[in-house]
Amino acid sequence: MKEFFLVAIGILVFVIIFQIAKTSEYVSVLKGEEKSRKQNNRINAFLMIAFLVLGFIGAWYCNELYYKKTLFPQGSASVEGEEIDSMMMITIAITGVVFVITQLLLFWFAFKYQEKDNRKAFYFPHNNKLELLWTTVPAIFLTVLVVFGLKFWFKITGDPPQGYHTVEITGHQFGWEIRYPGKDGILGKKNYKLSNIPSGNDLGVDFVGDDKSWDDLRTTEMHLPVGRPVKLVIHAQDVIHNVGLAHFRMKMDAVPGIPTTMWFTPQFTTAEMKEKTGNPNFTYEISCDQMCGKGHFSMRGVIVVESEADYKKWLASQTPEYFRVFPDKAPKPATADTTKVQTASVDLKK
């Protein structure tokens, strides 16, 4: 029934537009075709100016209304993200100036050069200098912007500074899996052929062939120390996902079979961001920025940025994944020696 009403409404709108067009045609015949065309040109010319003014007012109003609701007033939560913000502002400034100038000229010319009896259209088929100018200048500006972007891209996908730590993140429909290297600082190898969901080794970690994986940690949320570079090693198990870190101004595709990397340096703890934003419920979010299926909207992870001491304390509280997959390998809790206690109790009785 709903589809029927939508089709009926569409047909009704078409009929109304058709009748308006026919009415306009009959009015033009009654008034005279030329007189009606000139009148419509004058109306359209003034509407162009009105649309220009109202358009700029609307753009300014939307900026005033919604800017504070974006992430820009908060600033970047990573050191490298500040450079991204600067590049974006420069891009907006350059393209914004060009946009304003071109739109002003476009609408003003439509008004100024409307049809008049004493005006003859100027035929202007070709001008090499003008075409060279409007092709070369934009190309130069765009090339400069692309070069700066590539330079930064190579930076965050290259080798991080000394003292960094590594975190692995794997995307699947529809969630994120986080893995940390153990005390040896080396992530164990993975092989998709070893993936076994019933056993709990759904990531395909090579626990048998690589003893470096025995102390690796697997968690449900990502913890990062503030002020220390982190290198993300990114994987996907099924389709293409995208690790979106909006607060840090970072994002990177997660591609099945092709590990990708990026690094950044958090500069505010979660507690500091709660104070900075005035939001006691603030959390750093990991979003999927690539449409990956019907549950895409729910693919959300959480990052906790904390002090180095709290980070190490949290790491120490985690149990290696190896003992979860192979519980029989887990160390047995030490049993208390009760012999001395019993002897002492006998002596007390004496």
C-alpha atoms as a PDB file:
ATOM      1  CA  MET A   1       0.000   0.000   0.000  1.00  0.00           C
ATOM      2  CA  LYS A   2       2.851   2.382   0.840  1.00  0.00           C
ATOM      3  CA  GLU A   3       4.480   1.809  -2.549  1.00  0.00           C
ATOM      4  CA  PHE A   4       1.145   2.474  -4.282  1.00  0.00           C
ATOM      5  CA  PHE A   5       0.770   5.860  -2.581  1.00  0.00           C
ATOM      6  CA  LEU A   6       4.355   6.812  -3.481  1.00  0.00           C
ATOM      7  CA  VAL A   7       3.724   5.996  -7.147  1.00  0.00           C
ATOM      8  CA  ALA A   8       0.420   7.899  -7.063  1.00  0.00           C
ATOM      9  CA  ILE A   9       2.111  10.956  -5.526  1.00  0.00           C
ATOM     10  CA  GLY A  10       4.846  10.818  -8.191  1.00  0.00           C
ATOM     11  CA  ILE A  11       2.275  10.714 -10.984  1.00  0.00           C
ATOM     12  CA  LEU A  12       0.342  13.598  -9.378  1.00  0.00           C
ATOM     13  CA  VAL A  13       3.479  15.764  -9.156  1.00  0.00           C
ATOM     14  CA  PHE A  14       4.274  15.037 -12.804  1.00  0.00           C
ATOM     15  CA  VAL A  15       0.744  16.038 -13.862  1.00  0.00           C
ATOM     16  CA  ILE A  16       0.925  19.276 -11.857  1.00  0.00           C
ATOM     17  CA  ILE A  17       4.287  20.245 -13.398  1.00  0.00           C
ATOM     18  CA  PHE A  18       2.964  19.405 -16.869  1.00  0.00           C
ATOM     19  CA  GLN A  19      -0.130  21.577 -16.352  1.00  0.00           C
ATOM     20  CA  ILE A  20       1.983  24.489 -15.065  1.00  0.00           C
ATOM     21  CA  ALA A  21       4.218  24.235 -18.152  1.00  0.00           C
ATOM     22  CA  LYS A  22       1.206  24.205 -20.480  1.00  0.00           C
ATOM     23  CA  THR A  23      -0.337  27.180 -18.678  1.00  0.00           C
ATOM     24  CA  SER A  24       2.920  29.111 -18.990  1.00  0.00           C
ATOM     25  CA  GLU A  25       2.978  28.297 -22.699  1.00  0.00           C
ATOM     26  CA  TYR A  26      -0.591  29.589 -23.206  1.00  0.00           C
ATOM     27  CA  VAL A  27       0.231  32.802 -21.277  1.00  0.00           C
ATOM     28  CA  SER A  28       3.257  33.341 -23.510  1.00  0.00           C
ATOM     29  CA  VAL A  29       1.097  33.023 -26.605  1.00  0.00           C
ATOM     30  CA  LEU A  30      -1.422  35.527 -25.245  1.00  0.00           C
ATOM     31  CA  LYS A  31       1.240  38.063 -24.225  1.00  0.00           C
ATOM     32  CA  GLY A  32       3.452  37.541 -27.198  1.00  0.00           C
ATOM     33  CA  GLU A  33       6.451  35.222 -27.231  1.00  0.00           C
ATOM     34  CA  GLU A  34       9.142  37.922 -27.272  1.00  0.00           C
ATOM     35  CA  LYS A  35       7.575  40.092 -24.575  1.00  0.00           C
ATOM     36  CA  SER A  36       7.073  37.086 -22.308  1.00  0.00           C
ATOM     37  CA  ARG A  37      10.689  35.923 -22.804  1.00  0.00           C
ATOM     38  CA  LYS A  38      12.104  39.337 -21.870  1.00  0.00           C
ATOM     39  CA  GLN A  39       9.941  39.503 -18.793  1.00  0.00           C
ATOM     40  CA  ASN A  40      11.067  36.038 -17.698  1.00  0.00           C
ATOM     41  CA  ASN A  41      14.707  37.024 -18.287  1.00  0.00           C
ATOM     42  CA  ARG A  42      14.360  40.040 -15.965  1.00  0.00           C
ATOM     43  CA  ILE A  43      12.718  37.919 -13.285  1.00  0.00           C
ATOM     44  CA  ASN A  44      15.388  35.226 -13.549  1.00  0.00           C
ATOM     45  CA  ALA A  45      18.175  37.821 -13.404  1.00  0.00           C
ATOM     46  CA  PHE A  46      16.872  39.227 -10.111  1.00  0.00           C
ATOM     47  CA  LEU A  47      16.330  35.711  -8.782  1.00  0.00           C
ATOM     48  CA  MET A  48      19.996  34.965  -9.515  1.00  0.00           C
ATOM     49  CA  ILE A  49      21.088  37.851  -7.264  1.00  0.00           C
ATOM     50  CA  ALA A  50      18.592  36.817  -4.590  1.00  0.00           C
ATOM     51  CA  PHE A  51      19.842  33.226  -4.729  1.00  0.00           C
ATOM     52  CA  LEU A  52      23.467  34.428  -4.462  1.00  0.00           C
ATOM     53  CA  VAL A  53      22.774  36.546  -1.369  1.00  0.00           C
ATOM     54  CA  LEU A  54      20.569  33.965   0.328  1.00  0.00           C
ATOM     55  CA  GLY A  55      23.061  31.209  -0.513  1.00  0.00           C
ATOM     56  CA  PHE A  56      25.952  33.011   1.188  1.00  0.00           C
ATOM     57  CA  ILE A  57      23.775  33.867   4.182  1.00  0.00           C
ATOM     58  CA  GLY A  58      22.696  30.221   4.426  1.00  0.00           C
ATOM     59  CA  ALA A  59      26.282  28.977   4.251  1.00  0.00           C
ATOM     60  CA  TRP A  60      27.350  31.413   6.978  1.00  0.00           C
ATOM     61  CA  TYR A  61      24.360  30.489   9.159  1.00  0.00           C
ATOM     62  CA  CYS A  62      24.991  26.740   8.829  1.00  0.00           C
ATOM     63  CA  ASN A  63      28.630  27.287   9.800  1.00  0.00           C
ATOM     64  CA  GLU A  64      27.598  29.278  12.897  1.00  0.00           C
ATOM     65  CA  LEU A  65      24.974  26.688  13.792  1.00  0.00           C
ATOM     66  CA  TYR A  66      26.948  23.462  13.340  1.00  0.00           C
ATOM     67  CA  TYR A  67      30.665  24.284  13.580  1.00  0.00           C
ATOM     68  CA  LYS A  68      30.764  23.863  17.362  1.00  0.00           C
ATOM     69  CA  LYS A  69      29.172  20.435  16.993  1.00  0.00           C
ATOM     70  CA  THR A  70      32.044  19.160  14.857  1.00  0.00           C
ATOM     71  CA  LEU A  71      35.404  17.811  16.066  1.00  0.00           C
ATOM     72  CA  PHE A  72      37.334  20.889  14.912  1.00  0.00           C
ATOM     73  CA  PRO A  73      36.790  23.001  18.071  1.00  0.00           C
ATOM     74  CA  GLN A  74      38.243  20.133  20.138  1.00  0.00           C
ATOM     75  CA  GLY A  75      41.464  20.133  18.144  1.00  0.00           C
ATOM     76  CA  SER A  76      43.433  17.042  17.170  1.00  0.00           C
ATOM     77  CA  ALA A  77      44.067  14.446  19.877  1.00  0.00           C
ATOM     78  CA  SER A  78      47.314  13.406  18.162  1.00  0.00           C
ATOM     79  CA  VAL A  79      50.462  15.364  17.386  1.00  0.00           C
ATOM     80  CA  GLU A  80      50.439  14.331  13.732  1.00  0.00           C
ATOM     81  CA  GLY A  81      46.743  15.163  13.410  1.00  0.00           C
ATOM     82  CA  GLU A  82      47.494  18.841  13.967  1.00  0.00           C
ATOM     83  CA  GLU A  83      49.382  18.847  10.673  1.00  0.00           C
ATOM     84  CA  ILE A  84      46.380  17.256   8.967  1.00  0.00           C
ATOM     85  CA  ASP A  85      44.126  19.983  10.393  1.00  0.00           C
ATOM     86  CA  SER A  86      46.508  22.640   9.078  1.00  0.00           C
ATOM     87  CA  MET A  87      46.550  21.088   5.586  1.00  0.00           C
ATOM     88  CA  MET A  88      42.764  20.884   5.586  1.00  0.00           C
ATOM     89  CA  MET A  89      42.365  24.523   6.629  1.00  0.00           C
ATOM     90  CA  ILE A  90      44.787  25.618   3.901  1.00  0.00           C
ATOM     91  CA  THR A  91      42.849  23.569   1.342  1.00  0.00           C
ATOM     92  CA  ILE A  92      39.523  25.018   2.505  1.00  0.00           C
ATOM     93  CA  ALA A  93      40.964  28.543   2.387  1.00  0.00           C
ATOM     94  CA  ILE A  94      42.291  28.188  -1.170  1.00  0.00           C
ATOM     95  CA  THR A  95      39.242  26.421  -2.572  1.00  0.00           C
ATOM     96  CA  GLY A  96      36.948  28.699  -0.558  1.00  0.00           C
ATOM     97  CA  VAL A  97      38.413  31.862  -2.075  1.00  0.00           C
ATOM     98  CA  VAL A  98      38.127  30.397  -5.577  1.00  0.00           C
ATOM     99  CA  PHE A  99      34.547  29.291  -4.884  1.00  0.00           C
ATOM    100  CA  VAL A 100      33.453  32.720  -3.636  1.00  0.00           C
ATOM    101  CA  ILE A 101      35.037  34.554  -6.572  1.00  0.00           C
ATOM    102  CA  THR A 102      33.626  32.210  -9.221  1.00  0.00           C
ATOM    103  CA  GLN A 103      30.131  32.216  -7.726  1.00  0.00           C
ATOM    104  CA  LEU A 104      30.088  36.000  -7.405  1.00  0.00           C
ATOM    105  CA  LEU A 105      31.102  36.362 -11.045  1.00  0.00           C
ATOM    106  CA  LEU A 106      28.689  33.642 -12.215  1.00  0.00           C
ATOM    107  CA  PHE A 107      25.567  35.120 -10.626  1.00  0.00           C
ATOM    108  CA  TRP A 108      26.560  38.753 -11.187  1.00  0.00           C
ATOM    109  CA  PHE A 109      27.196  38.158 -14.899  1.00  0.00           C
ATOM    110  CA  ALA A 110      23.819  36.417 -15.189  1.00  0.00           C
ATOM    111  CA  PHE A 111      22.223  39.598 -13.819  1.00  0.00           C
ATOM    112  CA  LYS A 112      24.386  42.204 -15.532  1.00  0.00           C
ATOM    113  CA  TYR A 113      24.332  40.693 -19.007  1.00  0.00           C
ATOM    114  CA  GLN A 114      20.691  39.775 -19.260  1.00  0.00           C
ATOM    115  CA  GLU A 115      18.970  40.191 -22.616  1.00  0.00           C
ATOM    116  CA  LYS A 116      18.310  43.804 -23.670  1.00  0.00           C
ATOM    117  CA  ASP A 117      17.228  45.421 -26.926  1.00  0.00           C
ATOM    118  CA  ASN A 118      20.368  47.562 -27.272  1.00  0.00           C
ATOM    119  CA  ARG A 119      22.848  44.768 -26.435  1.00  0.00           C
ATOM    120  CA  LYS A 120      24.435  42.341 -28.874  1.00  0.00           C
ATOM    121  CA  ALA A 121      26.013  39.077 -27.749  1.00  0.00           C
ATOM    122  CA  PHE A 122      29.789  38.941 -28.166  1.00  0.00           C
ATOM    123  CA  TYR A 123      31.038  35.851 -29.964  1.00  0.00           C
ATOM    124  CA  PHE A 124      34.165  34.608 -28.154  1.00  0.00           C
ATOM    125  CA  PRO A 125      35.168  31.190 -29.519  1.00  0.00           C
ATOM    126  CA  HIS A 126      38.788  30.768 -28.417  1.00  0.00           C
ATOM    127  CA  ASN A 127      41.662  32.367 -26.496  1.00  0.00           C
ATOM    128  CA  ASN A 128      44.908  30.479 -25.968  1.00  0.00           C
ATOM    129  CA  LYS A 129      46.246  32.796 -23.239  1.00  0.00           C
ATOM    130  CA  LEU A 130      43.036  32.589 -21.209  1.00  0.00           C
ATOM    131  CA  GLU A 131      42.798  28.820 -21.502  1.00  0.00           C
ATOM    132  CA  LEU A 132      46.464  28.451 -20.539  1.00  0.00           C
ATOM    133  CA  LEU A 133      45.877  30.692 -17.510  1.00  0.00           C
ATOM    134  CA  TRP A 134      42.829  28.878 -16.109  1.00  0.00           C
ATOM    135  CA  THR A 135      44.461  25.490 -16.728  1.00  0.00           C
ATOM    136  CA  THR A 136      47.960  26.203 -15.405  1.00  0.00           C
ATOM    137  CA  VAL A 137      47.124  28.149 -12.236  1.00  0.00           C
ATOM    138  CA  PRO A 138      44.713  25.532 -10.755  1.00  0.00           C
ATOM    139  CA  ALA A 139      47.123  22.758 -11.760  1.00  0.00           C
ATOM    140  CA  ILE A 140      49.969  24.430  -9.843  1.00  0.00           C
ATOM    141  CA  PHE A 141      47.885  24.918  -6.697  1.00  0.00           C
ATOM    142  CA  LEU A 142      46.539  21.371  -6.804  1.00  0.00           C
ATOM    143  CA  THR A 143      50.022  19.942  -7.369  1.00  0.00           C
ATOM    144  CA  VAL A 144      51.351  21.780  -4.308  1.00  0.00           C
ATOM    145  CA  LEU A 145      48.473  20.491  -2.161  1.00  0.00           C
ATOM    146  CA  VAL A 146      48.968  16.929  -3.411  1.00  0.00           C
ATOM    147  CA  VAL A 147      52.730  17.068  -2.722  1.00  0.00           C
ATOM    148  CA  PHE A 148      52.145  18.182   0.876  1.00  0.00           C
ATOM    149  CA  GLY A 149      49.556  15.428   1.294  1.00  0.00           C
ATOM    150  CA  LEU A 150      51.861  12.749  -0.108  1.00  0.00           C
ATOM    151  CA  LYS A 151      54.713  13.923   2.094  1.00  0.00           C
ATOM    152  CA  PHE A 152      52.580  13.500   5.197  1.00  0.00           C
ATOM    153  CA  TRP A 153      51.190  10.183   3.939  1.00  0.00           C
ATOM    154  CA  PHE A 154      54.697   8.764   3.545  1.00  0.00           C
ATOM    155  CA  LYS A 155      55.479  10.035   7.041  1.00  0.00           C
ATOM    156  CA  ILE A 156      52.628   8.301   8.916  1.00  0.00           C
ATOM    157  CA  THR A 157      52.957   5.088   6.889  1.00  0.00           C
ATOM    158  CA  GLY A 158      56.725   4.943   7.244  1.00  0.00           C
ATOM    159  CA  ASP A 159      58.924   4.115  10.218  1.00  0.00           C
ATOM    160  CA  PRO A 160      57.755   5.658  13.506  1.00  0.00           C
ATOM    161  CA  PRO A 161      60.150   7.452  15.882  1.00  0.00           C
ATOM    162  CA  GLN A 162      62.189   5.539  18.442  1.00  0.00           C
ATOM    163  CA  GLY A 163      60.383   4.393  21.542  1.00  0.00           C
ATOM    164  CA  TYR A 164      57.189   3.434  19.733  1.00  0.00           C
ATOM    165  CA  HIS A 165      55.077   0.409  20.564  1.00  0.00           C
ATOM    166  CA  THR A 166      53.004  -1.808  18.281  1.00  0.00           C
ATOM    167  CA  VAL A 167      49.317  -2.689  18.411  1.00  0.00           C
ATOM    168  CA  GLU A 168      47.551  -4.971  15.952  1.00  0.00           C
ATOM    169  CA  ILE A 169      43.924  -4.343  15.014  1.00  0.00           C
ATOM    170  CA  THR A 170      41.847  -6.723  12.910  1.00  0.00           C
ATOM    171  CA  GLY A 171      38.459  -5.888  11.432  1.00  0.00           C
ATOM    172  CA  HIS A 172      35.661  -8.311  10.677  1.00  0.00           C
ATOM    173  CA  GLN A 173      31.907  -8.092  10.229  1.00  0.00           C
ATOM    174  CA  PHE A 174      31.162  -6.307  12.515  1.00  0.00           C
ATOM    175  CA  GLY A 175      33.795  -5.652  15.157  1.00  0.00           C
ATOM    176  CA  TRP A 176      37.451  -5.046  15.973  1.00  0.00           C
ATOM    177  CA  GLU A 177      39.977  -7.413  17.556  1.00  0.00           C
ATOM    178  CA  ILE A 178      42.994  -5.917  19.345  1.00  0.00           C
ATOM    179  CA  ARG A 179      46.300  -7.736  19.907  1.00  0.00           C
ATOM    180  CA  TYR A 180      49.423  -6.625  21.792  1.00  0.00           C
ATOM    181  CA  PRO A 181      52.924  -8.128  21.782  1.00  0.00           C
ATOM    182  CA  GLY A 182      54.019  -9.587  25.110  1.00  0.00           C
ATOM    183  CA  LYS A 183      57.143  -8.828  27.099  1.00  0.00           C
ATOM    184  CA  ASP A 184      59.351  -9.754  24.131  1.00  0.00           C
ATOM    185  CA  GLY A 185      57.848  -6.847  22.158  1.00  0.00           C
ATOM    186  CA  ILE A 186      57.241  -9.038  19.105  1.00  0.00           C
ATOM    187  CA  LEU A 187      53.844  -9.961  17.700  1.00  0.00           C
ATOM    188  CA  GLY A 188      53.490 -13.648  16.884  1.00  0.00           C
ATOM    189  CA  LYS A 189      52.924 -14.643  13.273  1.00  0.00           C
ATOM    190  CA  LYS A 190      49.471 -15.269  11.826  1.00  0.00           C
ATOM    191  CA  ASN A 191      48.219 -17.532   9.075  1.00  0.00           C
ATOM    192  CA  TYR A 192      44.644 -17.436   7.855  1.00  0.00           C
ATOM    193  CA  LYS A 193      44.774 -21.215   7.327  1.00  0.00           C
ATOM    194  CA  LEU A 194      45.118 -21.632  11.100  1.00  0.00           C
ATOM    195  CA  SER A 195      41.935 -19.732  11.842  1.00  0.00           C
ATOM    196  CA  ASN A 196      39.721 -21.966  13.959  1.00  0.00           C
ATOM    197  CA  ILE A 197      36.682 -20.359  15.573  1.00  0.00           C
ATOM    198  CA  PRO A 198      35.625 -23.361  17.731  1.00  0.00           C
ATOM    199  CA  SER A 199      39.071 -23.503  19.340  1.00  0.00           C
ATOM    200  CA  GLY A 200      39.072 -19.756  19.982  1.00  0.00           C
ATOM    201  CA  ASN A 201      41.939 -19.054  17.587  1.00  0.00           C
ATOM    202  CA  ASP A 202      39.782 -17.118  15.122  1.00  0.00           C
ATOM    203  CA  LEU A 203      42.660 -14.766  14.239  1.00  0.00           C
ATOM    204  CA  GLY A 204      44.811 -17.644  13.009  1.00  0.00           C
ATOM    205  CA  VAL A 205      47.765 -17.002  15.337  1.00  0.00           C
ATOM    206  CA  ASP A 206      50.565 -19.546  14.833  1.00  0.00           C
ATOM    207  CA  PHE A 207      50.859 -20.742  18.431  1.00  0.00           C
ATOM    208  CA  VAL A 208      52.505 -24.016  17.402  1.00  0.00           C
ATOM    209  CA  GLY A 209      55.144 -22.785  14.970  1.00  0.00           C
ATOM    210  CA  ASP A 210      56.028 -19.438  16.566  1.00  0.00           C
ATOM    211  CA  ASP A 211      56.811 -19.286  20.280  1.00  0.00           C
ATOM    212  CA  LYS A 212      56.910 -15.481  20.042  1.00  0.00           C
ATOM    213  CA  SER A 213      53.100 -15.604  20.087  1.00  0.00           C
ATOM    214  CA  TRP A 214      52.849 -17.311  23.474  1.00  0.00           C
ATOM    215  CA  ASP A 215      52.979 -14.064  25.454  1.00  0.00           C
ATOM    216  CA  ASP A 216      50.821 -11.977  23.070  1.00  0.00           C
ATOM    217  CA  LEU A 217      47.758 -10.314  24.567  1.00  0.00           C
ATOM    218  CA  ARG A 218      44.289 -10.013  23.070  1.00  0.00           C
ATOM    219  CA  THR A 219      41.856  -7.403  24.371  1.00  0.00           C
ATOM    220  CA  THR A 220      38.415  -5.996  23.673  1.00  0.00           C
ATOM    221  CA  GLU A 221      39.501  -2.353  23.754  1.00  0.00           C
ATOM    222  CA  MET A 222      42.646  -0.509  22.770  1.00  0.00           C
ATOM    223  CA  HIS A 223      44.787   1.098  25.491  1.00  0.00           C
ATOM    224  CA  LEU A 224      47.485   3.605  24.528  1.00  0.00           C
ATOM    225  CA  PRO A 225      49.995   5.579  26.625  1.00  0.00           C
ATOM    226  CA  VAL A 226      49.886   9.338  26.144  1.00  0.00           C
ATOM    227  CA  GLY A 227      52.866  11.015  24.456  1.00  0.00           C
ATOM    228  CA  ARG A 228      54.270   7.780  23.022  1.00  0.00           C
ATOM    229  CA  PRO A 229      54.077   6.884  19.297  1.00  0.00           C
ATOM    230  CA  VAL A 230      51.960   3.851  18.454  1.00  0.00           C
ATOM    231  CA  LYS A 231      52.227   1.850  15.249  1.00  0.00           C
ATOM    232  CA  LEU A 232      49.012   0.149  14.180  1.00  0.00           C
ATOM    233  CA  VAL A 233      49.295  -3.048  12.162  1.00  0.00           C
ATOM    234  CA  ILE A 234      45.929  -3.385  10.431  1.00  0.00           C
ATOM    235  CA  HIS A 235      44.254  -6.530   9.080  1.00  0.00           C
ATOM    236  CA  ALA A 236      40.821  -7.582   7.786  1.00  0.00           C
ATOM    237  CA  GLN A 237      39.316 -11.067   7.857  1.00  0.00           C
ATOM    238  CA  ASP A 238      36.458 -10.861   5.391  1.00  0.00           C
ATOM    239  CA  VAL A 239      35.806  -7.662   3.411  1.00  0.00           C
ATOM    240  CA  ILE A 240      37.507  -4.272   3.187  1.00  0.00           C
ATOM    241  CA  HIS A 241      37.078  -2.219   6.364  1.00  0.00           C
ATOM    242  CA  ASN A 242      38.645   1.080   7.385  1.00  0.00           C
ATOM    243  CA  VAL A 243      40.131   2.019  10.751  1.00  0.00           C
ATOM    244  CA  GLY A 244      38.709   5.495  11.353  1.00  0.00           C
ATOM    245  CA  LEU A 245      40.195   7.477  14.248  1.00  0.00           C
ATOM    246  CA  ALA A 246      38.393  10.797  13.867  1.00  0.00           C
ATOM    247  CA  HIS A 247      39.683  12.347  17.116  1.00  0.00           C
ATOM    248  CA  PHE A 248      43.269  11.599  16.053  1.00  0.00           C
ATOM    249  CA  ARG A 249      42.583  12.641  12.413  1.00  0.00           C
ATOM    250  CA  MET A 250      43.765   9.252  11.188  1.00  0.00           C
ATOM    251  CA  LYS A 251      42.287   6.529   8.985  1.00  0.00           C
ATOM    252  CA  MET A 252      43.586   3.545   7.064  1.00  0.00           C
ATOM    253  CA  ASP A 253      42.020   0.774   4.996  1.00  0.00           C
ATOM    254  CA  ALA A 254      41.925  -2.736   6.430  1.00  0.00           C
ATOM    255  CA  VAL A 255      42.351  -5.033   3.424  1.00  0.00           C
ATOM    256  CA  PRO A 256      42.031  -8.842   3.538  1.00  0.00           C
ATOM    257  CA  GLY A 257      45.416 -10.455   2.904  1.00  0.00           C
ATOM    258  CA  ILE A 258      47.333  -7.144   2.786  1.00  0.00           C
ATOM    259  CA  PRO A 259      48.480  -5.768   6.171  1.00  0.00           C
ATOM    260  CA  THR A 260      48.578  -1.957   6.310  1.00  0.00           C
ATOM    261  CA  THR A 261      50.239   0.289   8.873  1.00  0.00           C
ATOM    262  CA  MET A 262      50.133   3.811  10.228  1.00  0.00           C
ATOM    263  CA  TRP A 263      51.427   5.525  13.342  1.00  0.00           C
ATOM    264  CA  PHE A 264      50.534   8.544  15.478  1.00  0.00           C
ATOM    265  CA  THR A 265      51.231  10.015  18.909  1.00  0.00           C
ATOM    266  CA  PRO A 266      48.308  10.597  21.325  1.00  0.00           C
ATOM    267  CA  GLN A 267      48.708  13.880  23.168  1.00  0.00           C
ATOM    268  CA  PHE A 268      45.673  13.919  25.486  1.00  0.00           C
ATOM    269  CA  THR A 269      44.476  11.226  27.865  1.00  0.00           C
ATOM    270  CA  THR A 270      40.826  10.219  27.896  1.00  0.00           C
ATOM    271  CA  ALA A 271      40.426  11.997  31.255  1.00  0.00           C
ATOM    272  CA  GLU A 272      41.929  15.211  29.826  1.00  0.00           C
ATOM    273  CA  MET A 273      39.582  15.071  26.823  1.00  0.00           C
ATOM    274  CA  LYS A 274      36.602  14.702  29.157  1.00  0.00           C
ATOM    275  CA  GLU A 275      37.605  17.976  30.812  1.00  0.00           C
ATOM    276  CA  LYS A 276      38.501  19.636  27.526  1.00  0.00           C
ATOM    277  CA  THR A 277      35.168  18.798  25.872  1.00  0.00           C
ATOM    278  CA  GLY A 278      33.062  19.172  29.008  1.00  0.00           C
ATOM    279  CA  ASN A 279      31.641  15.724  28.286  1.00  0.00           C
ATOM    280  CA  PRO A 280      31.999  13.242  31.189  1.00  0.00           C
ATOM    281  CA  ASN A 281      31.028  10.405  28.839  1.00  0.00           C
ATOM    282  CA  PHE A 282      33.678  11.176  26.220  1.00  0.00           C
ATOM    283  CA  THR A 283      35.444   8.197  24.635  1.00  0.00           C
ATOM    284  CA  TYR A 284      37.922   7.879  21.789  1.00  0.00           C
ATOM    285  CA  GLU A 285      36.189   5.877  19.084  1.00  0.00           C
ATOM    286  CA  ILE A 286      37.332   3.431  16.435  1.00  0.00           C
ATOM    287  CA  SER A 287      34.840   3.573  13.582  1.00  0.00           C
ATOM    288  CA  CYS A 288      34.663   1.670  10.323  1.00  0.00           C
ATOM    289  CA  ASP A 289      34.842   4.269   7.554  1.00  0.00           C
ATOM    290  CA  GLN A 290      34.193   1.807   4.728  1.00  0.00           C
ATOM    291  CA  MET A 291      30.741   0.408   4.021  1.00  0.00           C
ATOM    292  CA  CYS A 292      31.135  -3.270   4.902  1.00  0.00           C
ATOM    293  CA  GLY A 293      27.636  -4.720   5.221  1.00  0.00           C
ATOM    294  CA  LYS A 294      24.304  -4.361   6.971  1.00  0.00           C
ATOM    295  CA  GLY A 295      25.914  -4.123  10.425  1.00  0.00           C
ATOM    296  CA  HIS A 296      28.413  -1.447   9.371  1.00  0.00           C
ATOM    297  CA  PHE A 297      26.816   1.163  11.652  1.00  0.00           C
ATOM    298  CA  SER A 298      27.517  -0.942  14.750  1.00  0.00           C
ATOM    299  CA  MET A 299      31.203  -1.570  14.037  1.00  0.00           C
ATOM    300  CA  ARG A 300      32.624   0.507  16.850  1.00  0.00           C
ATOM    301  CA  GLY A 301      35.656   0.160  19.077  1.00  0.00           C
ATOM    302  CA  VAL A 302      36.936   2.113  22.071  1.00  0.00           C
ATOM    303  CA  ILE A 303      40.391   3.561  22.742  1.00  0.00           C
ATOM    304  CA  VAL A 304      41.562   4.453  26.240  1.00  0.00           C
ATOM    305  CA  VAL A 305      44.501   6.875  26.366  1.00  0.00           C
ATOM    306  CA  GLU A 306      46.171   6.954  29.764  1.00  0.00           C
ATOM    307  CA  SER A 307      49.445   7.691  31.509  1.00  0.00           C
ATOM    308  CA  GLU A 308      52.448   5.423  30.964  1.00  0.00           C
ATOM    309  CA  ALA A 309      52.146   4.068  34.515  1.00  0.00           C
ATOM    310  CA  ASP A 310      48.457   3.226  34.117  1.00  0.00           C
ATOM    311  CA  TYR A 311      49.164   1.679  30.717  1.00  0.00           C
ATOM    312  CA  LYS A 312      51.844  -0.642  32.125  1.00  0.00           C
ATOM    313  CA  LYS A 313      49.580  -1.550  35.032  1.00  0.00           C
ATOM    314  CA  TRP A 314      46.798  -2.440  32.600  1.00  0.00           C
ATOM    315  CA  LEU A 315      49.167  -4.543  30.457  1.00  0.00           C
ATOM    316  CA  ALA A 316      50.331  -6.440  33.549  1.00  0.00           C
ATOM    317  CA  SER A 317      46.728  -7.309  34.389  1.00  0.00           C
ATOM    318  CA  GLN A 318      46.126  -9.030  31.021  1.00  0.00           C
ATOM    319  CA  THR A 319      46.462 -12.783  30.442  1.00  0.00           C
ATOM    320  CA  PRO A 320      48.236 -14.033  27.281  1.00  0.00           C
ATOM    321  CA  GLU A 321      45.881 -15.342  24.620  1.00  0.00           C
ATOM    322  CA  TYR A 322      47.884 -18.583  24.449  1.00  0.00           C
ATOM    323  CA  PHE A 323      46.547 -19.641  27.855  1.00  0.00           C
ATOM    324  CA  ARG A 324      42.986 -18.880  26.779  1.00  0.00           C
ATOM    325  CA  VAL A 325      43.269 -21.049  23.655  1.00  0.00           C
ATOM    326  CA  PHE A 326      45.201 -23.749  25.522  1.00  0.00           C
ATOM    327  CA  PRO A 327      43.920 -23.592  29.107  1.00  0.00           C
ATOM    328  CA  ASP A 328      45.836 -26.773  30.021  1.00  0.00           C
ATOM    329  CA  LYS A 329      49.086 -24.841  29.393  1.00  0.00           C
ATOM    330  CA  ALA A 330      48.202 -22.146  31.888  1.00  0.00           C
ATOM    331  CA  PRO A 331      50.449 -22.069  34.973  1.00  0.00           C
ATOM    332  CA  LYS A 332      48.836 -23.685  38.012  1.00  0.00           C
ATOM    333  CA  PRO A 333      48.327 -21.440  41.036  1.00  0.00           C
ATOM    334  CA  ALA A 334      50.900 -22.095  43.751  1.00  0.00           C
ATOM    335  CA  THR A 335      49.575 -24.151  46.690  1.00  0.00           C
ATOM    336  CA  ALA A 336      50.358 -22.955  50.198  1.00  0.00           C
ATOM    337  CA  ASP A 337      52.642 -25.141  52.352  1.00  0.00           C
ATOM    338  CA  THR A 338      50.474 -26.029  55.396  1.00  0.00           C
ATOM    339  CA  THR A 339      53.051 -28.299  57.111  1.00  0.00           C
ATOM    340  CA  LYS A 340      54.609 -25.520  59.159  1.00  0.00           C
ATOM    341  CA  VAL A 341      51.225 -24.168  60.100  1.00  0.00           C
ATOM    342  CA  GLN A 342      50.100 -27.556  61.440  1.00  0.00           C
ATOM    343  CA  THR A 343      53.389 -27.995  63.382  1.00  0.00           C
ATOM    344  CA  ALA A 344      52.992 -24.579  64.910  1.00  0.00           C
ATOM    345  CA  SER A 345      49.452 -25.364  66.012  1.00  0.00           C
ATOM    346  CA  VAL A 346      50.664 -28.597  67.695  1.00  0.00           C
ATOM    347  CA  ASP A 347      53.370 -26.714  69.547  1.00  0.00           C
ATOM    348  CA  LEU A 348      50.842 -24.197  70.764  1.00  0.00           C
ATOM    349  CA  LYS A 349      48.704 -26.992  72.205  1.00  0.00           C
ATOM    350  CA  LYS A 350      51.702 -28.317  74.117  1.00  0.00           C
END
